[in-house]
Amino acid sequence: MESEEYEQIPWSRLVAESEPAIDRRLYLIGGAIAVIVCVFLAVRIFGSAAVPRQPVLIAEPDQLTTEVNGQIAPPPTPASPMVISEADLMADVEPTRWEINPVVTTIAEWFVTDFFTRDGSQATTNSLTQRMTSSIDEIPHATYEGPEMFVEWASAYAYEELDVGVVVSVVYRTIHRTPEGFVRDEAQAVAVSLVEEAEGWVVDGFPMDAVVP
């Protein structure tokens, strides 16, 4: 009978043969790729920080252009400022007494001054008759018997244009003589009607009471 023979293999040898061998070249390739990536990132980060940025120029408003249908159009021309004439500015402004008719207002003030003056002078009477129409025959000065009275001042304050002639409102103040001296009266107002004749503007009728402004 033949005897059996057994071979003995060390356990460490079996373990070594069961583990697969890893190629060291893979580690080298991976390390090289990592180095390349690091270098690339470093160049991007530090390179962009080192280069100074150029300032961005903004064109002036008159240098801006617009591209229309593939062509560069010139900048639009600014609109010219609107010019307003003096006549337009004065269109809504009511005329003053001097723009109305200074001759008419002067005659009305002159008439009121002479009409309410009672000094017994023929010169005052003549001045009135020259400024009144021929239809007025008699003025109150001829029959006046009161104290002396003078017009201290007279001023036109209203002007109304009619179909024939105008009406001017005049405010005035008189002073009259008393035994103690002259006394100033309260201001009063009258409306004076005037018409234009061949010789000029004349008063047409006696003054009528008006409201004091």
N, C-alpha and C. Protein backbone atom coordinates (compact mmCIF):
# COMPACT_ATOMS: atom_id res chain seq x y z
N MET A 1 0.86 -1.19 0.00
CA MET A 1 0.00 0.00 0.00
C MET A 1 0.88 1.22 0.00
N GLU A 2 0.47 2.10 -0.96
CA GLU A 2 1.33 3.28 -1.13
C GLU A 2 0.93 4.33 -0.14
N SER A 3 1.87 5.06 0.37
CA SER A 3 1.61 6.17 1.33
C SER A 3 1.34 7.47 0.59
N GLU A 4 0.41 8.33 1.06
CA GLU A 4 0.10 9.63 0.45
C GLU A 4 1.03 10.71 0.96
N GLU A 5 1.38 11.60 0.03
CA GLU A 5 2.28 12.69 0.39
C GLU A 5 1.51 14.00 0.30
N TYR A 6 1.70 14.84 1.29
CA TYR A 6 1.02 16.16 1.33
C TYR A 6 2.05 17.27 1.22
N GLU A 7 1.68 18.28 0.40
CA GLU A 7 2.55 19.45 0.29
C GLU A 7 2.00 20.54 1.20
N GLN A 8 2.86 21.19 1.87
CA GLN A 8 2.48 22.29 2.74
C GLN A 8 2.87 23.64 2.09
N ILE A 9 1.86 24.57 1.94
CA ILE A 9 2.11 25.91 1.35
C ILE A 9 1.89 26.95 2.44
N PRO A 10 2.83 27.84 2.65
CA PRO A 10 2.69 28.86 3.70
C PRO A 10 1.45 29.72 3.46
N TRP A 11 0.79 30.07 4.59
CA TRP A 11 -0.46 30.89 4.50
C TRP A 11 -0.20 32.28 3.97
N SER A 12 0.88 32.85 4.28
CA SER A 12 1.23 34.19 3.77
C SER A 12 1.33 34.21 2.28
N ARG A 13 1.77 33.13 1.71
CA ARG A 13 1.91 33.06 0.24
C ARG A 13 0.55 33.01 -0.41
N LEU A 14 -0.39 32.29 0.21
CA LEU A 14 -1.73 32.22 -0.35
C LEU A 14 -2.44 33.58 -0.29
N VAL A 15 -2.27 34.30 0.79
CA VAL A 15 -2.88 35.64 0.91
C VAL A 15 -2.33 36.58 -0.11
N ALA A 16 -1.06 36.58 -0.35
CA ALA A 16 -0.42 37.48 -1.32
C ALA A 16 -0.91 37.21 -2.71
N GLU A 17 -1.11 35.92 -3.02
CA GLU A 17 -1.54 35.59 -4.38
C GLU A 17 -3.02 35.92 -4.57
N SER A 18 -3.85 35.96 -3.50
CA SER A 18 -5.26 36.25 -3.65
C SER A 18 -5.53 37.74 -3.87
N GLU A 19 -4.70 38.65 -3.40
CA GLU A 19 -4.88 40.10 -3.59
C GLU A 19 -4.36 40.49 -4.97
N PRO A 20 -5.19 41.25 -5.78
CA PRO A 20 -4.74 41.67 -7.12
C PRO A 20 -3.66 42.73 -7.03
N ALA A 21 -2.80 42.71 -7.87
CA ALA A 21 -1.70 43.70 -7.92
C ALA A 21 -2.18 44.99 -8.57
N ILE A 22 -1.85 46.16 -7.98
CA ILE A 22 -2.23 47.50 -8.51
C ILE A 22 -1.04 48.10 -9.21
N ASP A 23 -1.31 48.61 -10.42
CA ASP A 23 -0.23 49.20 -11.21
C ASP A 23 0.09 50.58 -10.67
N ARG A 24 1.32 50.84 -10.32
CA ARG A 24 1.74 52.13 -9.76
C ARG A 24 1.70 53.25 -10.80
N ARG A 25 1.60 52.92 -12.04
CA ARG A 25 1.57 53.96 -13.06
C ARG A 25 0.27 54.76 -13.00
N LEU A 26 -0.79 54.12 -12.49
CA LEU A 26 -2.04 54.87 -12.34
C LEU A 26 -1.90 56.01 -11.34
N TYR A 27 -1.17 55.74 -10.26
CA TYR A 27 -0.93 56.82 -9.29
C TYR A 27 -0.14 57.97 -9.92
N LEU A 28 0.82 57.64 -10.74
CA LEU A 28 1.63 58.68 -11.37
C LEU A 28 0.78 59.52 -12.33
N ILE A 29 -0.06 58.85 -13.09
CA ILE A 29 -0.90 59.60 -14.04
C ILE A 29 -1.89 60.51 -13.30
N GLY A 30 -2.51 59.98 -12.23
CA GLY A 30 -3.45 60.81 -11.45
C GLY A 30 -2.77 61.99 -10.82
N GLY A 31 -1.57 61.79 -10.30
CA GLY A 31 -0.85 62.91 -9.70
C GLY A 31 -0.51 63.97 -10.72
N ALA A 32 -0.12 63.53 -11.95
CA ALA A 32 0.21 64.50 -12.99
C ALA A 32 -1.01 65.33 -13.38
N ILE A 33 -2.18 64.69 -13.48
CA ILE A 33 -3.40 65.43 -13.85
C ILE A 33 -3.75 66.45 -12.77
N ALA A 34 -3.60 66.07 -11.50
CA ALA A 34 -3.90 66.99 -10.41
C ALA A 34 -2.99 68.21 -10.46
N VAL A 35 -1.70 67.99 -10.76
CA VAL A 35 -0.75 69.11 -10.85
C VAL A 35 -1.14 70.05 -11.98
N ILE A 36 -1.54 69.48 -13.13
CA ILE A 36 -1.91 70.32 -14.28
C ILE A 36 -3.14 71.18 -13.94
N VAL A 37 -4.12 70.58 -13.28
CA VAL A 37 -5.33 71.33 -12.91
C VAL A 37 -5.00 72.46 -11.95
N CYS A 38 -4.15 72.20 -10.98
CA CYS A 38 -3.76 73.24 -10.02
C CYS A 38 -3.05 74.38 -10.71
N VAL A 39 -2.14 74.06 -11.62
CA VAL A 39 -1.41 75.12 -12.33
C VAL A 39 -2.36 75.96 -13.16
N PHE A 40 -3.31 75.31 -13.85
CA PHE A 40 -4.27 76.04 -14.69
C PHE A 40 -5.11 77.00 -13.86
N LEU A 41 -5.61 76.51 -12.70
CA LEU A 41 -6.42 77.38 -11.85
C LEU A 41 -5.61 78.55 -11.29
N ALA A 42 -4.35 78.28 -10.95
CA ALA A 42 -3.51 79.35 -10.42
C ALA A 42 -3.28 80.44 -11.46
N VAL A 43 -3.05 80.02 -12.71
CA VAL A 43 -2.83 81.01 -13.77
C VAL A 43 -4.09 81.84 -13.99
N ARG A 44 -5.25 81.24 -13.96
CA ARG A 44 -6.49 81.99 -14.18
C ARG A 44 -6.76 82.99 -13.07
N ILE A 45 -6.53 82.55 -11.82
CA ILE A 45 -6.85 83.42 -10.69
C ILE A 45 -5.87 84.57 -10.57
N PHE A 46 -4.56 84.25 -10.53
CA PHE A 46 -3.55 85.28 -10.31
C PHE A 46 -3.30 86.09 -11.57
N GLY A 47 -3.50 85.50 -12.73
CA GLY A 47 -3.28 86.25 -13.98
C GLY A 47 -4.32 87.33 -14.18
N SER A 48 -5.59 87.04 -13.91
CA SER A 48 -6.64 88.04 -14.07
C SER A 48 -6.52 89.16 -13.05
N ALA A 49 -6.04 88.85 -11.85
CA ALA A 49 -5.86 89.89 -10.83
C ALA A 49 -4.73 90.82 -11.16
N ALA A 50 -3.70 90.35 -11.87
CA ALA A 50 -2.54 91.18 -12.18
C ALA A 50 -2.81 92.15 -13.30
N VAL A 51 -3.74 91.83 -14.23
CA VAL A 51 -3.99 92.70 -15.37
C VAL A 51 -4.98 93.77 -14.95
N PRO A 52 -4.62 95.08 -15.03
CA PRO A 52 -5.55 96.14 -14.63
C PRO A 52 -6.69 96.25 -15.63
N ARG A 53 -7.86 96.55 -15.08
CA ARG A 53 -9.02 96.72 -15.94
C ARG A 53 -9.01 98.10 -16.59
N GLN A 54 -9.37 98.14 -17.87
CA GLN A 54 -9.44 99.40 -18.59
C GLN A 54 -10.76 100.09 -18.26
N PRO A 55 -10.73 101.41 -18.03
CA PRO A 55 -11.99 102.11 -17.75
C PRO A 55 -12.91 102.08 -18.96
N VAL A 56 -14.19 101.98 -18.67
CA VAL A 56 -15.19 101.96 -19.73
C VAL A 56 -15.59 103.39 -20.04
N LEU A 57 -15.45 103.80 -21.27
CA LEU A 57 -15.77 105.15 -21.69
C LEU A 57 -17.24 105.22 -22.07
N ILE A 58 -17.89 106.23 -21.55
CA ILE A 58 -19.30 106.45 -21.87
C ILE A 58 -19.39 107.66 -22.77
N ALA A 59 -20.05 107.50 -23.87
CA ALA A 59 -20.13 108.59 -24.84
C ALA A 59 -21.02 109.70 -24.32
N GLU A 60 -20.69 110.92 -24.74
CA GLU A 60 -21.52 112.06 -24.40
C GLU A 60 -22.87 111.93 -25.10
N PRO A 61 -23.91 112.62 -24.59
CA PRO A 61 -25.22 112.51 -25.21
C PRO A 61 -25.23 112.87 -26.68
N ASP A 62 -24.42 113.90 -27.08
CA ASP A 62 -24.44 114.29 -28.47
C ASP A 62 -23.59 113.38 -29.34
N GLN A 63 -22.87 112.39 -28.75
CA GLN A 63 -22.05 111.48 -29.52
C GLN A 63 -22.71 110.12 -29.67
N LEU A 64 -23.86 109.92 -29.04
CA LEU A 64 -24.53 108.64 -29.14
C LEU A 64 -25.12 108.47 -30.52
N THR A 65 -25.04 107.27 -31.05
CA THR A 65 -25.60 106.96 -32.36
C THR A 65 -26.52 105.78 -32.23
N THR A 66 -27.34 105.59 -33.21
CA THR A 66 -28.31 104.50 -33.23
C THR A 66 -28.14 103.71 -34.50
N GLU A 67 -28.19 102.41 -34.35
CA GLU A 67 -28.05 101.52 -35.51
C GLU A 67 -29.44 101.20 -36.04
N VAL A 68 -29.72 101.58 -37.28
CA VAL A 68 -31.01 101.35 -37.92
C VAL A 68 -30.77 100.62 -39.23
N ASN A 69 -31.36 99.42 -39.37
CA ASN A 69 -31.21 98.62 -40.60
C ASN A 69 -29.76 98.39 -40.95
N GLY A 70 -28.94 98.13 -39.94
CA GLY A 70 -27.54 97.82 -40.19
C GLY A 70 -26.68 99.03 -40.45
N GLN A 71 -27.24 100.26 -40.40
CA GLN A 71 -26.47 101.48 -40.64
C GLN A 71 -26.48 102.33 -39.38
N ILE A 72 -25.41 103.07 -39.21
CA ILE A 72 -25.27 103.93 -38.04
C ILE A 72 -25.94 105.26 -38.34
N ALA A 73 -26.95 105.57 -37.58
CA ALA A 73 -27.66 106.83 -37.79
C ALA A 73 -27.05 107.90 -36.91
N PRO A 74 -27.01 109.15 -37.39
CA PRO A 74 -26.46 110.24 -36.58
C PRO A 74 -27.32 110.51 -35.37
N PRO A 75 -26.75 111.13 -34.33
CA PRO A 75 -27.54 111.43 -33.13
C PRO A 75 -28.67 112.38 -33.45
N PRO A 76 -29.80 112.26 -32.76
CA PRO A 76 -30.93 113.15 -33.03
C PRO A 76 -30.60 114.59 -32.67
N THR A 77 -31.14 115.50 -33.47
CA THR A 77 -30.91 116.93 -33.25
C THR A 77 -31.82 117.41 -32.13
N PRO A 78 -31.27 118.04 -31.10
CA PRO A 78 -32.12 118.52 -30.00
C PRO A 78 -33.11 119.56 -30.49
N ALA A 79 -34.31 119.51 -29.92
CA ALA A 79 -35.34 120.45 -30.33
C ALA A 79 -34.98 121.85 -29.85
N SER A 80 -35.20 122.82 -30.72
CA SER A 80 -34.90 124.20 -30.38
C SER A 80 -35.92 124.72 -29.38
N PRO A 81 -35.52 125.58 -28.43
CA PRO A 81 -36.46 126.10 -27.44
C PRO A 81 -37.55 126.93 -28.09
N MET A 82 -38.78 126.82 -27.54
CA MET A 82 -39.91 127.56 -28.09
C MET A 82 -39.78 129.03 -27.72
N VAL A 83 -39.90 129.88 -28.72
CA VAL A 83 -39.78 131.32 -28.52
C VAL A 83 -41.18 131.90 -28.43
N ILE A 84 -41.44 132.62 -27.35
CA ILE A 84 -42.74 133.26 -27.13
C ILE A 84 -42.58 134.75 -27.36
N SER A 85 -43.41 135.29 -28.22
CA SER A 85 -43.32 136.71 -28.54
C SER A 85 -43.90 137.55 -27.41
N GLU A 86 -43.55 138.82 -27.42
CA GLU A 86 -44.06 139.72 -26.40
C GLU A 86 -45.57 139.89 -26.51
N ALA A 87 -46.09 139.82 -27.76
CA ALA A 87 -47.53 139.95 -27.95
C ALA A 87 -48.29 138.80 -27.30
N ASP A 88 -47.71 137.58 -27.39
CA ASP A 88 -48.35 136.43 -26.75
C ASP A 88 -48.34 136.56 -25.23
N LEU A 89 -47.23 137.08 -24.69
CA LEU A 89 -47.15 137.24 -23.24
C LEU A 89 -48.17 138.25 -22.73
N MET A 90 -48.42 139.29 -23.52
CA MET A 90 -49.32 140.35 -23.09
C MET A 90 -50.76 140.09 -23.48
N ALA A 91 -51.05 138.95 -24.16
CA ALA A 91 -52.39 138.69 -24.67
C ALA A 91 -53.40 138.58 -23.54
N ASP A 92 -53.00 137.94 -22.42
CA ASP A 92 -53.93 137.72 -21.31
C ASP A 92 -53.83 138.77 -20.23
N VAL A 93 -53.04 139.81 -20.45
CA VAL A 93 -52.87 140.86 -19.45
C VAL A 93 -53.84 142.00 -19.73
N GLU A 94 -54.65 142.34 -18.75
CA GLU A 94 -55.58 143.44 -18.96
C GLU A 94 -54.84 144.76 -19.12
N PRO A 95 -55.28 145.61 -20.03
CA PRO A 95 -54.58 146.87 -20.27
C PRO A 95 -54.69 147.80 -19.08
N THR A 96 -53.65 148.58 -18.86
CA THR A 96 -53.68 149.59 -17.81
C THR A 96 -54.33 150.85 -18.37
N ARG A 97 -54.49 151.83 -17.52
CA ARG A 97 -55.16 153.06 -17.94
C ARG A 97 -54.40 153.75 -19.07
N TRP A 98 -53.05 153.64 -19.05
CA TRP A 98 -52.26 154.31 -20.09
C TRP A 98 -52.31 153.54 -21.41
N GLU A 99 -52.54 152.23 -21.34
CA GLU A 99 -52.68 151.45 -22.56
C GLU A 99 -54.08 151.61 -23.15
N ILE A 100 -55.05 152.01 -22.33
CA ILE A 100 -56.42 152.20 -22.82
C ILE A 100 -56.46 153.45 -23.70
N ASN A 101 -56.30 154.58 -23.10
CA ASN A 101 -56.27 155.85 -23.84
C ASN A 101 -55.90 156.94 -22.85
N PRO A 102 -54.67 157.33 -22.80
CA PRO A 102 -54.26 158.34 -21.82
C PRO A 102 -54.93 159.69 -22.04
N VAL A 103 -55.27 160.00 -23.28
CA VAL A 103 -55.92 161.30 -23.54
C VAL A 103 -57.30 161.33 -22.91
N VAL A 104 -58.06 160.23 -23.09
CA VAL A 104 -59.42 160.18 -22.55
C VAL A 104 -59.41 160.23 -21.02
N THR A 105 -58.54 159.48 -20.38
CA THR A 105 -58.49 159.49 -18.92
C THR A 105 -58.03 160.84 -18.39
N THR A 106 -57.12 161.50 -19.10
CA THR A 106 -56.65 162.82 -18.66
C THR A 106 -57.77 163.84 -18.75
N ILE A 107 -58.55 163.81 -19.85
CA ILE A 107 -59.66 164.75 -20.01
C ILE A 107 -60.72 164.51 -18.93
N ALA A 108 -60.99 163.24 -18.61
CA ALA A 108 -61.98 162.93 -17.57
C ALA A 108 -61.52 163.46 -16.22
N GLU A 109 -60.26 163.27 -15.86
CA GLU A 109 -59.74 163.78 -14.59
C GLU A 109 -59.74 165.31 -14.58
N TRP A 110 -59.39 165.91 -15.69
CA TRP A 110 -59.36 167.36 -15.80
C TRP A 110 -60.77 167.93 -15.64
N PHE A 111 -61.75 167.30 -16.27
CA PHE A 111 -63.14 167.76 -16.19
C PHE A 111 -63.65 167.66 -14.76
N VAL A 112 -63.39 166.53 -14.09
CA VAL A 112 -63.86 166.37 -12.71
C VAL A 112 -63.23 167.43 -11.81
N THR A 113 -61.96 167.73 -12.03
CA THR A 113 -61.29 168.75 -11.21
C THR A 113 -61.95 170.11 -11.36
N ASP A 114 -62.25 170.50 -12.60
CA ASP A 114 -62.87 171.80 -12.82
C ASP A 114 -64.35 171.82 -12.44
N PHE A 115 -65.05 170.68 -12.66
CA PHE A 115 -66.49 170.67 -12.42
C PHE A 115 -66.82 170.81 -10.94
N PHE A 116 -66.01 170.21 -10.07
CA PHE A 116 -66.29 170.28 -8.64
C PHE A 116 -65.47 171.36 -7.94
N THR A 117 -64.89 172.23 -8.70
CA THR A 117 -64.21 173.40 -8.14
C THR A 117 -65.18 174.58 -8.18
N ARG A 118 -65.41 175.18 -7.01
CA ARG A 118 -66.30 176.34 -6.92
C ARG A 118 -65.50 177.50 -6.33
N ASP A 119 -64.85 178.24 -7.23
CA ASP A 119 -64.00 179.34 -6.78
C ASP A 119 -64.47 180.69 -7.35
N GLY A 120 -65.57 180.67 -8.12
CA GLY A 120 -66.10 181.92 -8.69
C GLY A 120 -65.26 182.45 -9.82
N SER A 121 -64.31 181.71 -10.34
CA SER A 121 -63.44 182.19 -11.40
C SER A 121 -64.06 181.90 -12.76
N GLN A 122 -63.98 182.88 -13.65
CA GLN A 122 -64.47 182.71 -15.01
C GLN A 122 -63.58 181.72 -15.78
N ALA A 123 -62.32 181.63 -15.41
CA ALA A 123 -61.41 180.71 -16.09
C ALA A 123 -61.85 179.26 -15.88
N THR A 124 -62.36 178.98 -14.70
CA THR A 124 -62.86 177.61 -14.44
C THR A 124 -64.08 177.33 -15.31
N THR A 125 -64.97 178.29 -15.43
CA THR A 125 -66.16 178.12 -16.26
C THR A 125 -65.78 177.93 -17.71
N ASN A 126 -64.85 178.71 -18.21
CA ASN A 126 -64.43 178.60 -19.61
C ASN A 126 -63.78 177.23 -19.88
N SER A 127 -63.00 176.74 -18.94
CA SER A 127 -62.35 175.43 -19.11
C SER A 127 -63.39 174.32 -19.22
N LEU A 128 -64.48 174.43 -18.43
CA LEU A 128 -65.53 173.43 -18.50
C LEU A 128 -66.26 173.47 -19.84
N THR A 129 -66.66 174.66 -20.27
CA THR A 129 -67.44 174.76 -21.50
C THR A 129 -66.63 174.31 -22.72
N GLN A 130 -65.32 174.49 -22.67
CA GLN A 130 -64.48 174.04 -23.79
C GLN A 130 -64.39 172.51 -23.86
N ARG A 131 -64.59 171.83 -22.74
CA ARG A 131 -64.47 170.37 -22.69
C ARG A 131 -65.82 169.67 -22.71
N MET A 132 -66.92 170.40 -22.96
CA MET A 132 -68.24 169.80 -22.97
C MET A 132 -68.89 170.01 -24.34
N THR A 133 -69.81 169.10 -24.68
CA THR A 133 -70.51 169.20 -25.95
C THR A 133 -71.43 170.42 -25.95
N SER A 134 -71.80 170.85 -27.14
CA SER A 134 -72.64 172.05 -27.28
C SER A 134 -74.06 171.81 -26.78
N SER A 135 -74.46 170.55 -26.57
CA SER A 135 -75.81 170.26 -26.11
C SER A 135 -76.02 170.64 -24.65
N ILE A 136 -74.95 170.87 -23.89
CA ILE A 136 -75.06 171.27 -22.50
C ILE A 136 -75.05 172.79 -22.45
N ASP A 137 -76.17 173.35 -22.05
CA ASP A 137 -76.32 174.80 -22.10
C ASP A 137 -75.81 175.49 -20.84
N GLU A 138 -76.10 174.95 -19.68
CA GLU A 138 -75.80 175.66 -18.44
C GLU A 138 -75.10 174.71 -17.46
N ILE A 139 -74.11 175.22 -16.77
CA ILE A 139 -73.40 174.45 -15.76
C ILE A 139 -73.77 175.01 -14.38
N PRO A 140 -73.66 174.21 -13.34
CA PRO A 140 -74.13 174.66 -12.01
C PRO A 140 -73.29 175.78 -11.41
N HIS A 141 -72.14 176.07 -12.00
CA HIS A 141 -71.27 177.09 -11.40
C HIS A 141 -71.94 178.47 -11.41
N ALA A 142 -72.79 178.72 -12.40
CA ALA A 142 -73.39 180.06 -12.53
C ALA A 142 -74.34 180.37 -11.39
N THR A 143 -74.97 179.39 -10.80
CA THR A 143 -75.95 179.61 -9.74
C THR A 143 -75.46 179.12 -8.38
N TYR A 144 -74.22 178.73 -8.26
CA TYR A 144 -73.72 178.20 -7.00
C TYR A 144 -73.52 179.33 -6.00
N GLU A 145 -73.99 179.13 -4.75
CA GLU A 145 -73.88 180.16 -3.71
C GLU A 145 -73.24 179.61 -2.45
N GLY A 146 -72.68 178.45 -2.48
CA GLY A 146 -72.08 177.86 -1.30
C GLY A 146 -70.66 178.37 -1.06
N PRO A 147 -69.98 177.75 -0.09
CA PRO A 147 -68.60 178.16 0.21
C PRO A 147 -67.64 177.74 -0.90
N GLU A 148 -66.50 178.35 -0.89
CA GLU A 148 -65.49 177.96 -1.88
C GLU A 148 -65.11 176.49 -1.70
N MET A 149 -64.92 175.82 -2.84
CA MET A 149 -64.58 174.39 -2.80
C MET A 149 -63.58 174.11 -3.92
N PHE A 150 -62.60 173.31 -3.60
CA PHE A 150 -61.57 172.95 -4.58
C PHE A 150 -61.38 171.42 -4.58
N VAL A 151 -60.95 170.91 -5.72
CA VAL A 151 -60.65 169.48 -5.84
C VAL A 151 -59.18 169.28 -5.47
N GLU A 152 -58.94 168.50 -4.44
CA GLU A 152 -57.57 168.24 -3.99
C GLU A 152 -56.84 167.29 -4.96
N TRP A 153 -57.53 166.26 -5.41
CA TRP A 153 -56.96 165.33 -6.39
C TRP A 153 -58.09 164.56 -7.07
N ALA A 154 -57.81 164.05 -8.28
CA ALA A 154 -58.78 163.24 -9.04
C ALA A 154 -58.01 162.18 -9.81
N SER A 155 -58.54 160.95 -9.83
CA SER A 155 -57.84 159.84 -10.49
C SER A 155 -58.84 158.87 -11.12
N ALA A 156 -58.64 158.57 -12.40
CA ALA A 156 -59.50 157.61 -13.10
C ALA A 156 -59.15 156.20 -12.66
N TYR A 157 -60.18 155.35 -12.44
CA TYR A 157 -59.91 153.99 -11.97
C TYR A 157 -60.66 152.93 -12.78
N ALA A 158 -61.57 153.33 -13.69
CA ALA A 158 -62.29 152.36 -14.51
C ALA A 158 -62.55 152.96 -15.88
N TYR A 159 -62.64 152.07 -16.87
CA TYR A 159 -62.78 152.49 -18.26
C TYR A 159 -63.71 151.51 -18.96
N GLU A 160 -64.80 152.01 -19.52
CA GLU A 160 -65.76 151.16 -20.23
C GLU A 160 -65.98 151.71 -21.63
N GLU A 161 -65.74 150.87 -22.62
CA GLU A 161 -65.90 151.29 -24.00
C GLU A 161 -67.31 150.95 -24.47
N LEU A 162 -68.01 151.93 -25.04
CA LEU A 162 -69.37 151.75 -25.52
C LEU A 162 -69.38 151.77 -27.04
N ASP A 163 -70.58 151.54 -27.62
CA ASP A 163 -70.69 151.61 -29.07
C ASP A 163 -70.34 153.01 -29.57
N VAL A 164 -70.76 154.02 -28.82
CA VAL A 164 -70.43 155.41 -29.15
C VAL A 164 -69.79 156.03 -27.90
N GLY A 165 -68.50 156.25 -27.96
CA GLY A 165 -67.81 156.88 -26.85
C GLY A 165 -67.40 155.90 -25.77
N VAL A 166 -66.96 156.47 -24.65
CA VAL A 166 -66.49 155.69 -23.51
C VAL A 166 -67.01 156.33 -22.22
N VAL A 167 -66.98 155.53 -21.14
CA VAL A 167 -67.33 156.03 -19.82
C VAL A 167 -66.14 155.79 -18.91
N VAL A 168 -65.65 156.85 -18.28
CA VAL A 168 -64.50 156.78 -17.39
C VAL A 168 -64.97 157.09 -15.97
N SER A 169 -64.67 156.21 -15.05
CA SER A 169 -65.00 156.43 -13.64
C SER A 169 -63.82 157.09 -12.94
N VAL A 170 -64.12 158.16 -12.19
CA VAL A 170 -63.07 158.96 -11.56
C VAL A 170 -63.40 159.11 -10.08
N VAL A 171 -62.40 158.85 -9.23
CA VAL A 171 -62.54 159.09 -7.81
C VAL A 171 -61.80 160.39 -7.48
N TYR A 172 -62.38 161.22 -6.55
CA TYR A 172 -61.79 162.53 -6.27
C TYR A 172 -62.07 162.90 -4.82
N ARG A 173 -61.33 163.89 -4.35
CA ARG A 173 -61.55 164.43 -3.00
C ARG A 173 -61.56 165.96 -3.08
N THR A 174 -62.51 166.55 -2.37
CA THR A 174 -62.62 168.01 -2.35
C THR A 174 -62.30 168.54 -0.95
N ILE A 175 -61.96 169.82 -0.93
CA ILE A 175 -61.81 170.54 0.33
C ILE A 175 -62.66 171.81 0.23
N HIS A 176 -63.30 172.23 1.32
CA HIS A 176 -64.15 173.42 1.29
C HIS A 176 -63.77 174.35 2.44
N ARG A 177 -64.11 175.64 2.21
CA ARG A 177 -63.74 176.65 3.20
C ARG A 177 -64.78 176.71 4.32
N THR A 178 -64.29 176.85 5.54
CA THR A 178 -65.13 177.05 6.72
C THR A 178 -64.58 178.26 7.48
N PRO A 179 -65.31 178.76 8.45
CA PRO A 179 -64.77 179.88 9.22
C PRO A 179 -63.45 179.55 9.91
N GLU A 180 -63.25 178.30 10.22
CA GLU A 180 -62.00 177.90 10.87
C GLU A 180 -60.89 177.58 9.86
N GLY A 181 -61.25 177.52 8.56
CA GLY A 181 -60.26 177.17 7.54
C GLY A 181 -60.80 176.10 6.61
N PHE A 182 -59.96 175.56 5.75
CA PHE A 182 -60.39 174.53 4.80
C PHE A 182 -60.49 173.17 5.49
N VAL A 183 -61.55 172.42 5.10
CA VAL A 183 -61.79 171.09 5.64
C VAL A 183 -61.78 170.07 4.50
N ARG A 184 -61.13 168.97 4.72
CA ARG A 184 -61.05 167.92 3.70
C ARG A 184 -62.31 167.05 3.77
N ASP A 185 -62.97 166.84 2.61
CA ASP A 185 -64.17 166.02 2.53
C ASP A 185 -63.82 164.56 2.25
N GLU A 186 -64.82 163.70 2.38
CA GLU A 186 -64.63 162.30 2.05
C GLU A 186 -64.49 162.11 0.53
N ALA A 187 -63.79 161.07 0.15
CA ALA A 187 -63.61 160.78 -1.28
C ALA A 187 -64.94 160.37 -1.90
N GLN A 188 -65.15 160.79 -3.12
CA GLN A 188 -66.35 160.46 -3.87
C GLN A 188 -65.94 159.98 -5.27
N ALA A 189 -66.91 159.45 -6.00
CA ALA A 189 -66.63 158.94 -7.35
C ALA A 189 -67.77 159.29 -8.28
N VAL A 190 -67.42 159.55 -9.53
CA VAL A 190 -68.41 159.85 -10.57
C VAL A 190 -68.01 159.14 -11.85
N ALA A 191 -69.00 158.93 -12.75
CA ALA A 191 -68.76 158.37 -14.07
C ALA A 191 -68.93 159.47 -15.10
N VAL A 192 -67.92 159.62 -15.94
CA VAL A 192 -67.92 160.69 -16.94
C VAL A 192 -68.02 160.05 -18.32
N SER A 193 -69.02 160.50 -19.12
CA SER A 193 -69.23 160.00 -20.47
C SER A 193 -68.53 160.92 -21.47
N LEU A 194 -67.76 160.34 -22.37
CA LEU A 194 -67.03 161.12 -23.36
C LEU A 194 -67.29 160.55 -24.75
N VAL A 195 -67.30 161.45 -25.74
CA VAL A 195 -67.45 161.07 -27.15
C VAL A 195 -66.37 161.79 -27.94
N GLU A 196 -66.07 161.24 -29.10
CA GLU A 196 -65.03 161.84 -29.95
C GLU A 196 -65.70 162.63 -31.07
N GLU A 197 -65.36 163.92 -31.13
CA GLU A 197 -65.86 164.80 -32.18
C GLU A 197 -64.70 165.27 -33.05
N ALA A 198 -64.99 166.15 -33.96
CA ALA A 198 -63.96 166.60 -34.89
C ALA A 198 -62.80 167.28 -34.18
N GLU A 199 -63.11 168.03 -33.12
CA GLU A 199 -62.05 168.73 -32.39
C GLU A 199 -61.38 167.87 -31.34
N GLY A 200 -61.87 166.65 -31.14
CA GLY A 200 -61.25 165.76 -30.17
C GLY A 200 -62.28 165.19 -29.20
N TRP A 201 -61.80 164.63 -28.10
CA TRP A 201 -62.67 164.04 -27.10
C TRP A 201 -63.28 165.12 -26.22
N VAL A 202 -64.63 165.03 -26.03
CA VAL A 202 -65.34 166.00 -25.20
C VAL A 202 -66.30 165.23 -24.29
N VAL A 203 -66.70 165.91 -23.18
CA VAL A 203 -67.61 165.31 -22.22
C VAL A 203 -69.04 165.48 -22.70
N ASP A 204 -69.80 164.38 -22.66
CA ASP A 204 -71.18 164.38 -23.15
C ASP A 204 -72.13 164.17 -21.97
N GLY A 205 -72.43 165.25 -21.28
CA GLY A 205 -73.36 165.17 -20.16
C GLY A 205 -72.67 165.39 -18.83
N PHE A 206 -73.49 165.66 -17.79
CA PHE A 206 -72.96 165.89 -16.46
C PHE A 206 -72.49 164.57 -15.84
N PRO A 207 -71.53 164.65 -14.93
CA PRO A 207 -71.06 163.41 -14.30
C PRO A 207 -72.16 162.77 -13.44
N MET A 208 -72.15 161.45 -13.39
CA MET A 208 -73.11 160.68 -12.61
C MET A 208 -72.40 160.00 -11.46
N ASP A 209 -73.13 159.82 -10.37
CA ASP A 209 -72.54 159.20 -9.18
C ASP A 209 -72.08 157.78 -9.50
N ALA A 210 -70.96 157.38 -8.90
CA ALA A 210 -70.40 156.05 -9.08
C ALA A 210 -69.94 155.52 -7.72
N VAL A 211 -69.61 154.25 -7.69
CA VAL A 211 -69.18 153.61 -6.45
C VAL A 211 -67.70 153.90 -6.23
N VAL A 212 -67.38 154.32 -5.01
CA VAL A 212 -65.98 154.58 -4.68
C VAL A 212 -65.22 153.25 -4.61
N PRO A 213 -64.08 153.10 -5.29
CA PRO A 213 -63.35 151.83 -5.27
C PRO A 213 -62.74 151.54 -3.90
